[in-house]
Protein backbone atom coordinates (compact mmCIF):
# COMPACT_ATOMS: atom_id res chain seq x y z
CA MET A 1 -1.95 36.58 -8.56
CA ALA A 2 -5.35 37.17 -6.97
CA ALA A 3 -5.88 40.25 -4.84
CA ASN A 4 -6.34 40.18 -1.66
CA PRO A 5 -10.66 40.79 -0.83
CA ASP A 6 -10.13 43.13 1.93
CA THR A 7 -8.29 45.94 0.22
CA LEU A 8 -10.90 45.42 -3.58
CA ASN A 9 -12.71 48.08 -2.46
CA ASN A 10 -9.78 50.57 -2.17
CA PRO A 11 -8.63 52.79 -4.76
CA MET A 12 -6.67 51.17 -7.46
CA ILE A 13 -3.16 52.62 -8.18
CA ASN A 14 -2.40 53.92 -11.36
CA PHE A 15 1.22 53.89 -13.03
CA THR A 16 2.88 53.21 -16.28
CA LEU A 17 4.74 50.02 -16.94
CA ASP A 18 6.93 49.34 -19.64
CA GLY A 19 4.88 52.27 -21.29
CA GLU A 20 1.25 50.92 -21.12
CA GLU A 21 -0.95 52.07 -18.04
CA VAL A 22 -2.04 49.82 -15.91
CA SER A 23 -4.34 49.69 -12.37
CA ALA A 24 -2.91 48.12 -9.23
CA PHE A 25 -4.55 46.94 -6.27
CA ALA A 26 -3.90 48.63 -3.15
CA ASP A 27 -1.62 45.46 -1.72
CA GLU A 28 0.14 44.55 -4.80
CA THR A 29 3.93 44.97 -5.27
CA ILE A 30 5.31 45.84 -9.40
CA LEU A 31 6.33 42.43 -9.80
CA GLN A 32 2.46 40.89 -8.86
CA THR A 33 0.67 43.85 -11.13
CA ALA A 34 3.07 42.92 -14.10
CA LYS A 35 2.46 39.13 -13.77
CA ARG A 36 -0.82 40.04 -13.89
CA HIS A 37 -0.63 42.11 -16.60
CA ASN A 38 1.49 39.05 -18.49
CA LYS A 39 4.68 40.99 -18.44
CA GLU A 40 7.71 38.70 -17.30
CA ILE A 41 9.97 39.81 -14.38
CA PRO A 42 12.83 37.69 -13.72
CA HIS A 43 12.62 36.54 -9.99
CA LEU A 44 13.97 33.89 -7.85
CA CYS A 45 13.60 34.91 -4.12
CA TYR A 46 9.78 35.47 -4.28
CA LYS A 47 7.19 32.87 -4.58
CA GLU A 48 3.73 33.06 -5.08
CA GLY A 49 2.16 32.56 -1.17
CA LEU A 50 5.52 33.70 1.08
CA ARG A 51 6.42 36.93 2.35
CA ALA A 52 8.28 38.69 -0.23
CA ASP A 53 11.86 38.88 0.82
CA GLY A 54 13.75 40.92 -2.26
CA ASN A 55 17.11 39.15 -1.58
CA CYS A 56 18.07 38.10 -5.03
CA ARG A 57 17.81 41.25 -6.50
CA ALA A 58 16.90 39.40 -9.84
CA CYS A 59 13.50 41.31 -10.00
CA VAL A 60 14.90 45.03 -10.36
CA VAL A 61 13.65 47.35 -12.59
CA GLU A 62 14.41 50.93 -13.22
CA VAL A 63 11.98 53.61 -11.50
CA GLU A 64 12.23 56.91 -13.51
CA GLY A 65 13.69 59.45 -11.12
CA GLU A 66 15.24 57.34 -8.43
CA ARG A 67 19.04 56.53 -8.36
CA THR A 68 18.92 53.07 -7.85
CA LEU A 69 17.37 50.16 -8.95
CA ALA A 70 14.51 48.63 -7.23
CA PRO A 71 13.70 45.15 -6.41
CA SER A 72 9.86 44.97 -8.01
CA CYS A 73 9.13 41.70 -5.87
CA CYS A 74 8.67 44.06 -2.62
CA ARG A 75 8.12 47.34 -4.31
CA MET A 76 4.77 48.71 -4.25
CA PRO A 77 3.53 51.22 -7.01
CA THR A 78 2.50 54.97 -6.25
CA ASP A 79 0.43 56.72 -8.82
CA GLY A 80 1.97 58.25 -11.28
CA MET A 81 5.18 56.26 -11.04
CA ASN A 82 7.10 55.34 -14.58
CA VAL A 83 8.68 51.77 -14.79
CA GLN A 84 10.37 50.16 -17.04
CA THR A 85 11.22 46.65 -16.07
CA SER A 86 13.23 45.86 -19.17
CA SER A 87 15.56 48.62 -20.09
CA GLU A 88 19.05 48.66 -20.76
CA ARG A 89 20.12 49.42 -16.99
CA ALA A 90 17.55 46.86 -15.86
CA VAL A 91 18.51 44.31 -17.80
CA LYS A 92 22.26 43.99 -17.44
CA SER A 93 21.55 44.42 -13.42
CA GLN A 94 19.25 41.53 -14.26
CA LYS A 95 22.06 39.53 -16.38
CA MET A 96 24.74 39.96 -14.35
CA VAL A 97 22.78 38.72 -10.90
CA LEU A 98 21.75 35.61 -12.66
CA GLU A 99 25.28 34.80 -14.03
CA LEU A 100 26.67 35.30 -10.14
CA LEU A 101 24.06 32.78 -9.34
CA LYS A 102 24.82 30.84 -11.86
CA SER A 103 28.75 30.78 -11.42
CA ASP A 104 28.21 28.71 -7.79
CA MET A 105 26.01 25.85 -9.33
CA PRO A 106 27.56 22.75 -9.94
CA LYS A 107 29.62 23.12 -13.32
CA GLN A 108 27.63 20.44 -15.72
CA GLY A 109 25.43 23.35 -17.51
CA GLU A 110 22.28 22.62 -16.08
CA SER A 111 21.54 21.76 -12.51
CA PRO A 112 21.59 18.10 -12.42
CA TYR A 113 19.17 17.85 -9.48
CA THR A 114 16.41 18.53 -11.63
CA LEU A 115 15.11 19.73 -14.87
CA GLU A 116 13.15 22.30 -14.07
CA SER A 117 15.19 24.80 -12.12
CA GLU A 118 13.98 28.18 -12.17
CA LEU A 119 17.48 29.59 -12.25
CA ASP A 120 17.89 27.79 -15.33
CA LEU A 121 15.03 29.07 -17.06
CA TRP A 122 15.92 32.87 -16.71
CA VAL A 123 19.20 32.16 -17.82
CA LYS A 124 18.03 30.87 -21.16
CA LYS A 125 15.76 33.46 -21.25
CA LEU A 126 17.96 36.43 -20.61
CA GLN A 127 20.43 34.58 -22.90
CA VAL A 128 22.95 34.38 -20.27
CA GLY A 129 26.34 33.36 -20.97
CA GLU A 130 28.47 30.91 -19.21
CA PRO A 131 29.80 32.87 -16.24
CA ARG A 132 32.90 34.03 -15.84
CA PHE A 133 33.44 34.10 -11.90
CA GLU A 134 34.67 31.09 -9.81
CA SER A 135 32.88 28.68 -7.74
CA ARG A 136 32.27 28.90 -4.17
CA ALA A 137 33.76 25.93 -2.19
CA GLN A 138 31.01 23.32 -2.69
CA PRO A 139 29.30 22.12 0.23
CA ALA A 140 28.82 17.57 0.19
CA ALA A 141 25.13 16.60 -0.47
CA ASP A 142 23.48 15.63 2.43
CA LEU A 143 21.21 11.93 1.25
CA SER A 144 20.49 11.32 5.37
CA HIS A 145 16.66 11.77 4.95
CA PRO A 146 14.04 9.15 3.16
CA ALA A 147 12.41 11.40 1.39
CA ILE A 148 14.24 14.91 0.86
CA ALA A 149 17.44 15.11 -0.91
CA VAL A 150 19.65 17.92 0.10
CA ASN A 151 22.35 19.14 -2.35
CA MET A 152 23.25 22.90 -0.91
CA ASP A 153 25.97 22.88 -4.27
CA ALA A 154 22.72 24.13 -5.71
CA CYS A 155 21.67 26.58 -3.08
CA ILE A 156 20.92 29.80 -4.00
CA GLN A 157 20.65 31.34 -0.83
CA CYS A 158 16.83 32.77 -2.08
CA THR A 159 15.62 31.64 1.33
CA ARG A 160 12.65 30.66 -0.10
CA CYS A 161 12.71 27.16 1.84
CA LEU A 162 13.64 29.33 5.31
CA ARG A 163 10.53 31.56 4.78
CA ALA A 164 8.53 28.19 3.74
CA CYS A 165 9.78 25.97 6.93
CA ARG A 166 9.71 29.34 9.46
CA GLU A 167 6.52 31.58 8.05
CA GLU A 168 4.13 29.14 6.28
CA GLN A 169 4.44 25.81 8.40
CA MET A 170 5.94 27.30 11.12
CA ASN A 171 7.95 24.78 11.75
CA ASP A 172 11.31 26.56 12.49
CA VAL A 173 13.67 23.54 11.43
CA ILE A 174 15.50 25.83 8.69
CA GLY A 175 17.73 28.89 9.32
CA PHE A 176 20.94 30.57 8.49
CA ALA A 177 23.89 30.16 10.07
CA ASN A 178 27.43 32.02 9.79
CA ARG A 179 28.08 35.78 7.80
CA GLY A 180 28.90 36.58 4.53
CA ALA A 181 30.52 34.92 2.17
CA HIS A 182 30.21 31.88 4.67
CA ALA A 183 26.46 31.93 5.43
CA GLU A 184 24.96 28.49 4.83
CA ILE A 185 21.20 27.55 5.04
CA VAL A 186 20.92 24.92 8.02
CA PHE A 187 18.58 21.85 9.30
CA ASP A 188 18.37 22.92 13.43
CA ILE A 189 21.80 23.28 14.38
CA ALA A 190 23.64 21.93 11.53
CA ASP A 191 22.33 18.64 11.97
CA PRO A 192 21.93 16.00 8.98
CA MET A 193 18.02 16.39 7.66
CA ALA A 194 17.85 12.84 8.60
CA ALA A 195 18.46 13.99 12.78
CA SER A 196 16.73 16.97 12.80
CA SER A 197 13.40 17.85 13.93
CA CYS A 198 12.18 18.14 10.17
CA VAL A 199 8.67 16.55 9.66
CA ALA A 200 9.17 15.76 5.59
CA CYS A 201 6.11 18.56 4.56
CA GLY A 202 8.00 18.98 2.04
CA GLU A 203 6.91 22.30 1.72
CA CYS A 204 10.72 23.43 1.34
CA VAL A 205 11.24 20.85 -1.40
CA GLN A 206 8.08 22.72 -3.34
CA ALA A 207 9.74 26.20 -2.61
CA CYS A 208 13.03 25.37 -3.79
CA PRO A 209 14.00 26.90 -7.03
CA THR A 210 17.16 25.21 -8.20
CA GLY A 211 16.93 21.70 -7.10
CA ALA A 212 18.88 22.43 -3.92
CA LEU A 213 16.23 20.03 -1.91
CA MET A 214 14.16 17.82 -3.97
CA PRO A 215 12.57 14.48 -3.39
CA ALA A 216 15.08 11.84 -2.69
CA ASN A 217 14.14 9.64 -5.74
CA ASN A 218 15.77 11.69 -8.09
CA VAL A 219 12.52 12.36 -9.66
CA GLY A 220 13.34 15.90 -10.55
CA LEU A 221 15.56 14.11 -13.28
CA GLU A 222 12.26 12.87 -15.19
CA ILE A 223 9.81 14.98 -17.13
CA ALA A 224 6.14 14.15 -16.82
CA ASP A 225 3.86 13.63 -19.62
CA LYS A 226 1.25 15.05 -17.30
CA THR A 227 -0.14 16.57 -14.54
CA VAL A 228 -3.61 15.44 -12.74
CA ASN A 229 -5.55 17.60 -10.58
CA SER A 230 -6.60 16.16 -7.50
CA THR A 231 -7.60 16.22 -3.71
CA CYS A 232 -5.76 14.37 -0.83
CA PRO A 233 -7.09 11.20 -0.21
CA TYR A 234 -5.97 11.39 3.72
CA CYS A 235 -7.10 13.80 6.56
CA GLY A 236 -10.63 15.67 6.38
CA VAL A 237 -8.92 19.15 5.31
CA GLY A 238 -9.16 18.23 1.75
CA CYS A 239 -5.86 19.68 0.26
CA LEU A 240 -6.10 20.43 -3.43
CA ILE A 241 -3.11 18.69 -5.00
CA LYS A 242 -1.44 18.14 -7.99
CA TYR A 243 0.14 14.55 -9.80
CA HIS A 244 3.00 14.73 -11.84
CA VAL A 245 2.61 11.42 -13.50
CA LYS A 246 5.03 9.60 -15.95
CA ASP A 247 3.54 6.34 -17.94
CA ASP A 248 0.84 6.20 -15.53
CA LYS A 249 2.88 6.17 -12.50
CA ILE A 250 3.27 9.35 -9.79
CA LEU A 251 6.83 10.95 -10.03
CA TYR A 252 5.60 13.97 -7.25
CA THR A 253 3.06 16.07 -5.73
CA GLU A 254 2.89 19.01 -5.64
CA GLY A 255 -0.10 21.57 -3.34
CA ARG A 256 -2.57 23.63 -5.59
CA ASP A 257 -4.02 27.08 -4.40
CA GLY A 258 -6.89 26.04 -2.46
CA ASP A 259 -9.15 27.54 0.00
CA THR A 260 -8.16 24.67 2.38
CA ASN A 261 -4.40 24.51 1.67
CA LYS A 262 -3.12 27.74 -0.14
CA PHE A 263 -0.37 25.77 -1.47
CA ARG A 264 0.75 23.74 1.68
CA LEU A 265 0.35 20.06 1.97
CA CYS A 266 1.88 17.28 5.20
CA VAL A 267 4.18 14.72 4.62
CA LYS A 268 0.90 12.25 3.69
CA GLY A 269 -0.15 14.36 1.18
CA ARG A 270 2.94 14.80 -0.11
CA TYR A 271 4.56 11.73 0.24
CA GLY A 272 1.67 8.96 0.86
CA PHE A 273 1.40 7.50 -2.77
CA ASN A 274 3.86 5.03 -2.95
CA TYR A 275 1.30 2.24 -2.14
CA ILE A 276 -0.44 3.03 -5.66
CA HIS A 277 2.44 1.23 -7.37
CA ASN A 278 3.61 -1.33 -4.30
CA PRO A 279 3.05 -4.36 -6.39
CA LEU A 280 1.31 -6.30 -3.61
CA ARG A 281 -1.46 -3.93 -4.48
CA LEU A 282 -5.07 -5.88 -5.96
CA THR A 283 -5.59 -4.41 -9.21
CA LYS A 284 -8.31 -7.11 -10.11
CA PRO A 285 -11.06 -9.15 -8.85
CA LEU A 286 -9.82 -12.52 -7.53
CA ILE A 287 -12.60 -15.53 -6.84
CA ARG A 288 -11.04 -18.27 -4.56
CA ARG A 289 -10.58 -21.32 -6.80
CA ASP A 290 -12.78 -24.71 -6.63
CA GLY A 291 -12.18 -26.66 -3.92
CA VAL A 292 -10.15 -24.41 -1.78
CA ALA A 293 -11.45 -24.18 1.68
CA LYS A 294 -11.52 -21.16 4.07
CA THR A 295 -8.86 -21.69 6.83
CA THR A 296 -8.03 -19.16 9.77
CA GLU A 297 -4.72 -19.20 8.26
CA LEU A 298 -3.24 -16.05 6.98
CA LEU A 299 -2.87 -15.93 3.86
CA ASP A 300 0.96 -14.96 2.58
CA PRO A 301 0.50 -12.10 -0.39
CA ASN A 302 3.05 -13.32 -2.78
CA ASP A 303 1.27 -16.31 -3.23
CA LEU A 304 -2.39 -15.83 -3.98
CA ASP A 305 -2.39 -17.56 -6.90
CA THR A 306 -2.96 -21.17 -4.82
CA VAL A 307 -5.63 -19.99 -3.56
CA PHE A 308 -7.66 -17.78 -5.73
CA ARG A 309 -7.71 -17.36 -9.45
CA GLU A 310 -7.83 -13.61 -11.85
CA ALA A 311 -11.77 -12.87 -12.64
CA SER A 312 -13.35 -10.26 -14.38
CA TRP A 313 -14.81 -7.20 -13.00
CA ASP A 314 -18.39 -8.67 -14.42
CA GLU A 315 -17.59 -12.29 -13.08
CA ALA A 316 -16.72 -11.10 -9.81
CA LEU A 317 -19.66 -8.75 -9.61
CA ASP A 318 -22.29 -11.51 -10.76
CA ILE A 319 -21.04 -13.60 -8.10
CA ALA A 320 -20.73 -11.25 -5.58
CA ALA A 321 -24.72 -9.90 -5.92
CA GLY A 322 -25.33 -13.51 -6.43
CA GLY A 323 -24.01 -14.50 -2.88
CA LEU A 324 -25.55 -11.09 -1.41
CA LYS A 325 -29.09 -11.79 -2.81
CA LYS A 326 -29.12 -15.74 -1.27
CA ILE A 327 -28.28 -14.22 1.94
CA ARG A 328 -31.52 -12.30 2.10
CA ASP A 329 -33.50 -14.72 0.41
CA GLU A 330 -32.37 -17.29 2.89
CA LYS A 331 -31.99 -15.23 5.99
CA GLY A 332 -33.70 -12.68 5.26
CA LYS A 333 -33.24 -8.37 5.38
CA LYS A 334 -31.77 -7.85 8.75
CA ALA A 335 -29.20 -10.10 8.18
CA LEU A 336 -27.31 -8.03 5.86
CA ALA A 337 -25.42 -4.87 6.51
CA GLY A 338 -23.16 -2.71 5.12
CA LEU A 339 -19.88 -0.37 6.17
CA GLY A 340 -18.74 2.74 4.23
CA SER A 341 -15.47 3.74 3.96
CA ALA A 342 -14.32 7.43 5.33
CA LYS A 343 -11.83 7.51 1.87
CA GLY A 344 -14.91 7.81 -0.03
CA SER A 345 -17.12 11.11 -1.40
CA ASN A 346 -20.20 12.26 -0.23
CA GLU A 347 -21.89 11.12 -3.40
CA GLU A 348 -19.98 7.68 -2.75
CA ALA A 349 -21.72 7.11 0.82
CA TYR A 350 -24.62 8.22 -0.22
CA LEU A 351 -24.79 5.67 -3.21
CA PHE A 352 -23.57 3.07 -0.79
CA GLN A 353 -26.33 3.97 1.72
CA LYS A 354 -28.58 4.32 -1.11
CA LEU A 355 -27.74 0.23 -2.25
CA ILE A 356 -27.56 -1.19 1.53
CA ARG A 357 -30.94 0.29 1.96
CA THR A 358 -32.84 -0.43 -1.65
CA GLY A 359 -31.07 -2.92 -2.73
CA PHE A 360 -30.73 -5.09 0.12
CA GLY A 361 -33.84 -3.33 2.12
CA SER A 362 -31.44 -3.10 5.37
CA ASN A 363 -31.37 -0.24 7.82
CA ASN A 364 -27.60 -2.11 8.68
CA VAL A 365 -25.59 0.74 7.29
CA ASP A 366 -22.74 2.60 8.83
CA HIS A 367 -19.76 4.49 8.71
CA CYS A 368 -16.37 3.76 10.20
CA THR A 369 -16.40 7.95 11.59
CA ARG A 370 -19.43 7.09 13.55
CA LEU A 371 -17.37 6.01 16.30
CA CYS A 372 -15.52 8.62 17.20
CA HIS A 373 -17.68 11.66 15.35
CA ALA A 374 -21.36 10.96 16.22
CA SER A 375 -21.61 13.29 19.40
CA SER A 376 -19.94 15.87 17.81
CA VAL A 377 -22.42 15.76 13.94
CA VAL A 378 -25.15 15.88 16.67
CA ALA A 379 -23.74 18.60 18.87
CA LEU A 380 -23.36 20.23 15.57
CA LEU A 381 -26.78 19.81 14.23
CA GLU A 382 -28.19 21.39 16.97
CA CYS A 383 -25.78 24.47 17.89
CA LEU A 384 -25.10 25.44 14.50
CA GLY A 385 -27.93 23.45 11.70
CA SER A 386 -25.48 21.66 9.97
CA GLY A 387 -23.13 18.90 11.02
CA ALA A 388 -20.50 19.71 9.18
CA VAL A 389 -17.43 22.12 8.56
CA SER A 390 -18.93 25.88 9.60
CA ASN A 391 -15.53 27.86 8.31
CA PRO A 392 -12.31 26.87 6.76
CA VAL A 393 -9.70 26.73 9.05
CA GLU A 394 -8.09 29.84 7.77
CA ASP A 395 -10.53 31.87 9.41
CA VAL A 396 -8.98 30.96 12.75
CA LYS A 397 -7.14 34.05 12.13
CA LEU A 398 -10.19 36.52 12.56
CA ALA A 399 -10.86 34.62 15.63
CA GLU A 400 -9.45 37.19 19.01
CA VAL A 401 -9.05 33.03 20.95
CA VAL A 402 -9.63 29.69 19.86
CA ILE A 403 -9.97 26.59 22.06
CA ILE A 404 -8.51 23.41 21.07
CA ILE A 405 -10.03 20.69 22.87
CA GLY A 406 -10.31 17.24 21.95
CA SER A 407 -8.05 17.44 18.91
CA ASN A 408 -3.95 16.92 17.67
CA PRO A 409 -4.30 19.22 14.70
CA THR A 410 -0.72 19.18 14.41
CA VAL A 411 -1.02 15.03 13.75
CA ASN A 412 -4.63 14.81 12.33
CA HIS A 413 -4.53 17.60 10.70
CA PRO A 414 -1.15 19.14 9.70
CA VAL A 415 -2.06 21.68 7.18
CA GLY A 416 -5.16 23.06 9.43
CA ALA A 417 -2.86 23.57 12.10
CA THR A 418 -0.51 25.61 10.21
CA PHE A 419 -3.36 28.08 10.05
CA MET A 420 -3.75 27.91 13.61
CA LYS A 421 -0.29 28.57 14.22
CA ASN A 422 -0.31 30.97 11.49
CA ALA A 423 -2.99 33.53 12.88
CA THR A 424 -0.73 33.71 16.50
CA THR A 425 1.11 35.78 14.71
CA THR A 426 -1.47 38.30 13.95
CA GLY A 427 -2.32 38.21 17.45
CA THR A 428 -4.93 35.66 17.89
CA LYS A 429 -5.01 33.96 20.90
CA ILE A 430 -4.89 29.40 21.45
CA ILE A 431 -5.93 28.20 24.78
CA LEU A 432 -5.16 24.26 24.74
CA ILE A 433 -7.46 22.22 26.63
CA ASP A 434 -5.66 18.79 26.87
CA PRO A 435 -4.19 16.46 29.14
CA ASN A 436 -1.24 15.70 27.03
CA ARG A 437 1.20 18.74 26.08
CA THR A 438 0.64 18.50 22.26
CA ALA A 439 2.82 20.22 19.48
CA ILE A 440 0.54 23.06 19.43
CA ALA A 441 0.51 24.02 22.89
CA LYS A 442 4.38 25.41 21.79
CA TYR A 443 2.14 28.21 20.49
CA ALA A 444 -1.26 28.49 23.11
CA THR A 445 -0.92 30.82 25.52
CA HIS A 446 -2.62 29.00 28.23
CA HIS A 447 -2.58 24.98 28.05
CA LEU A 448 -5.53 23.46 30.81
CA ALA A 449 -4.00 19.87 31.46
CA PHE A 450 -7.00 18.61 33.21
CA ARG A 451 -7.24 15.40 34.70
CA PRO A 452 -8.04 12.58 31.84
CA ASP A 453 -12.27 12.20 32.55
CA THR A 454 -12.45 15.72 34.27
CA ASP A 455 -13.08 17.78 30.76
CA VAL A 456 -16.87 17.96 31.04
CA ALA A 457 -16.35 19.81 34.72
CA LEU A 458 -13.76 21.98 33.35
CA LEU A 459 -16.31 23.24 30.47
CA ASN A 460 -18.98 23.32 32.94
CA GLY A 461 -16.48 25.02 35.90
CA ILE A 462 -15.60 27.22 32.78
CA MET A 463 -19.27 28.18 31.71
CA HIS A 464 -20.03 28.95 35.20
CA VAL A 465 -17.55 31.43 35.38
CA ILE A 466 -18.53 32.86 32.50
CA LEU A 467 -22.29 33.72 33.79
CA ASP A 468 -21.09 34.61 37.54
CA GLU A 469 -18.97 37.34 36.20
CA GLY A 470 -21.89 38.59 33.73
CA LEU A 471 -19.70 37.85 30.56
CA GLN A 472 -22.20 36.17 28.07
CA ASN A 473 -23.73 37.60 25.29
CA ASP A 474 -27.35 37.79 26.31
CA ASP A 475 -28.74 39.17 22.44
CA TYR A 476 -27.43 35.87 21.44
CA ILE A 477 -28.72 33.56 23.82
CA LYS A 478 -31.92 35.08 24.01
CA LYS A 479 -32.32 34.55 19.83
CA HIS A 480 -30.45 31.40 19.31
CA THR A 481 -30.49 29.54 22.25
CA GLU A 482 -33.30 26.92 24.47
CA ASP A 483 -33.61 26.45 27.46
CA PHE A 484 -30.90 28.35 28.73
CA GLU A 485 -32.30 29.12 31.98
CA PHE A 486 -32.17 24.61 32.83
CA MET A 487 -28.60 24.89 31.61
CA GLN A 488 -28.03 28.08 34.17
CA GLN A 489 -29.43 26.13 36.91
CA HIS A 490 -27.26 22.80 36.12
CA LEU A 491 -24.01 24.63 36.22
CA LYS A 492 -24.75 26.44 39.73
CA ASP A 493 -22.59 23.40 41.22
CA TYR A 494 -20.20 23.61 38.96
CA SER A 495 -18.61 26.75 40.32
CA PRO A 496 -14.37 25.86 39.96
């Protein structure tokens, strides 16, 4: 596990791990240090990226001089400590925990919901036999949700799903109900999952170690041929994803540890890939059949063969190029234009505009994003020198105050919104400026619900107060701005 950059300069902690002298970073637990030194300790409630909870006790280790075994997932090492991860006493306890947890699984050998159960993995590695204990009463499956299957008979109450939902995505849907042997994971107030406030981000599915929460299409019972690392094609957050592929079809998707998402995904990134395998998707070029005239009637996607015929890429490109050249030669260069796609990469956008400008000889090239971002890009260029993102979204945690205006992050950039929500737990204040009470308002210190079309007046009023009360940074203004006196004069008329 990568160390926290904030603690890299702190002194290392030296201790003995299974007879070997090792060093730990200041913020590392025994389990994290062991993983970094390629030493295996069974663990189920711990997952990288989530807060350590220490409730499953599968990761206990023996610390010399201590009466009780210590959970390695939440125990920090100290200088000179002597830790045994595979002593007779530690292994006996680890195996007992795994046997007890396994006894509550469905009685079909391995979990019937996934072939990659972490519990089954550790049971095999530690050679735990058939459980000697009675199983608890098994709850019925909840298959009400279109994307997520809930099989609580495979739940070990490790709370990974709860922490992923409450502390990572901060949707606060999953919780505990009842106590002791009657404790259970519930959604909202014990609602069926489909009736709950779940937004289907699937973070709980990715966190679950046993298959109690799985995609609803039984993909857990299939073994992928390969995994493909990629980037989510939807919004501009740029989440890193991993596709699990079998027979050239995507089974399911997981988030990767990228600077933009830290393993997280939203409903679009996790489940929005069915269009790839849709039978109506065009996968080959189509050319209009000879003698079939164009009409204003809508085409039936199931009856394209009567209007078009399949063609090779070479034939289709030759026809398209010939038609474009004909228009250019007969109508002039300005008769041609190109509209780029927001789904393409920066490199593809560059090549596209190069094709239009050099191949067509036309400057009529545009991009769909201009309709909503022309003004913001110009503002960024003028203020920051770059018309692009200046910082990763996670940096909101470094800010004392974050102002959100003209944006609905929980809808448009859900993963980015999770970092904003996370930041409020460490002291960052959010000020929401929006006529509507969007979902992020729940986490805002203030919500300024201005009347539509008065946003500019509101911002001018805020700047008026800043100057009137002397709250501005004069040194920054002197070094980094121009014509400030003109703006100062302009703002005098905007007293709130």
